[in-house]
């Protein structure tokens, strides 16, 4: 029976998400809206098929863990340290402001201060899953806005973990105030010990494990190893240190992200991440009771006002006051204008401790669904909002006091994008091309799937992305979005065609040079978008022609004529043009 419920829940949830996600995508809306609506449809408050909510929540938890591991892969320690000041100040100030607003509204409705505070806390925490998804969809995860927002949310998550530990201690035993300080101290000490173990021991142990597995040249074993590391550290952090599994997975991702395996882990080892992340949004949608909202529409509007107006406004002011400029401030404010998984966990704990009044949790769920639905559209309007702000020059200059409107030190790119080329494969051809590019003032970035070869390229002084170039995440890590050229020299023609198509989707202006092994494959790569294809068979035919003619004593004019003739004959037979 349990097995049947599991299959039905998984199949029904994914099918509903696929259908509604496709419809919303066709309507030029975020598919996340479809996933949330799918959750409402398969939930217990609407007629028809009802999924098993506990099972859906377990799937969603896996999705959160894998997604946080993926965030950690791209968020290095130096990035966190670079935004530590604004992340700590911003997260604490915004959380305090949102909590205060929620508490005032709750108390004005006759709730106790305890219930009002928990309600406010639930409205103060943004969804890491949603934030990451929006930043990834807009290519902003590594932007100044993305780094600040992720650092901000990491601090929020740590603060929320402490709150979740303290709530039972405060409300379950209200008379034991003397032990409160001890509980706070122990909680912070556990978090510090977890971070120390992860960053000191993990940095030495995990890369060695992955190195040993990668040496087997088994893609399946490498995938399994990374999944075990992500889930294992997440579960271990929860069982031993009492923190969320997502936070432990984030630390594991940061460790792997500092190693040479980061790009391959992101592309090869997390194929299930997106599917389980979809199930998170479906699980959120299942919690909503639409009819219960009709009983308190004003309170729903007040809740959305805090999440969509109050929180973003506070975030905007904090970022501007710390000198990062209006554009980054608008982006951070928009990214944080939502609530998600931690808000639902806080509401659940409040219900378990009998703190929350009837209907409060449903309001938080509704606020989560509405804000998660609107957030992609709100973030998509960041550019328009910044342009609108520039129509008021005095106000814009006041918000951007730095010279030329510079938006913080983080906005300076490390590499001039006009001088980058991506080279796939570091065999004899790739090495030669990389050298020629470097001598011509263009920086080659190598993508190599062989670990030993990638290390050789790195030792030769090149930037290297170790991973599968058919994966968009690896191409993006190599800088394909701003590259002037893509040289595909190593993989098979089928893989090369897939790489070219993927690259063209994100950078239609990139110049693509590709190598095929056989003449009959040149058409495949041209149809994929290659500007020039060099065939091994064709080049051999030309080289042999030149050699034979030189032995026969042909004149330069005769050699040029025969070269043209060979090109015409060879490429006509293959059905392509040179």
Foldseek 3Di string as FASTA:
>chain_A
DVVVLLVCQLVQLLVQLVVQLVVCVVVVAHSLLSLLVSLQCQFPQHDDHHHDLVSLVVLLLLLLLLVLLLLLLVQAPVLLVVQVVLLQVLLVVLLVQQLVLQLVVCVVVVADSLQSNLLSNLLRAADPLLLSVLCVVVVNCLAPLNSNLVSNNLNNQLVLLLVLQQVCVCLVCVVVPVCSVVSSVLLVVLVVVLLCCLQPVVLPPLVVVLVVQVVVVDLVSNLVSLSCLSQVQLVVCCVPNVGHSNSSSSSSSNSCSVDLCSLACSFRNPPCNVSSNSSQSSSLSNVANVVLCVVPVPVLVSSLCSLQPVSLVSQLVSLLVVQQANLSSQLSSLSRSAGGDSSLVSVVVCVVSVRHDPPSSNSSSVRRSVRSSCSSVSNVCSVVVVVVQVVPVVSRCVSQVDPPSHRDPSNDDPDDLAQEEEEEDDDPVSVVVQVVSVVVRHAYEYEYQRPVSQVVCVVVPHHYRHHQLLGLSSCVVRPLLSHQEYEYEDDALVSLLSNLLSSCVRHVRHAYEYEHAALLSPVSNVVSPHPYYHYVVLVVQLVVLVVVCVVVPHDPVVNVVVSVVSQCVRNVVSVHHD
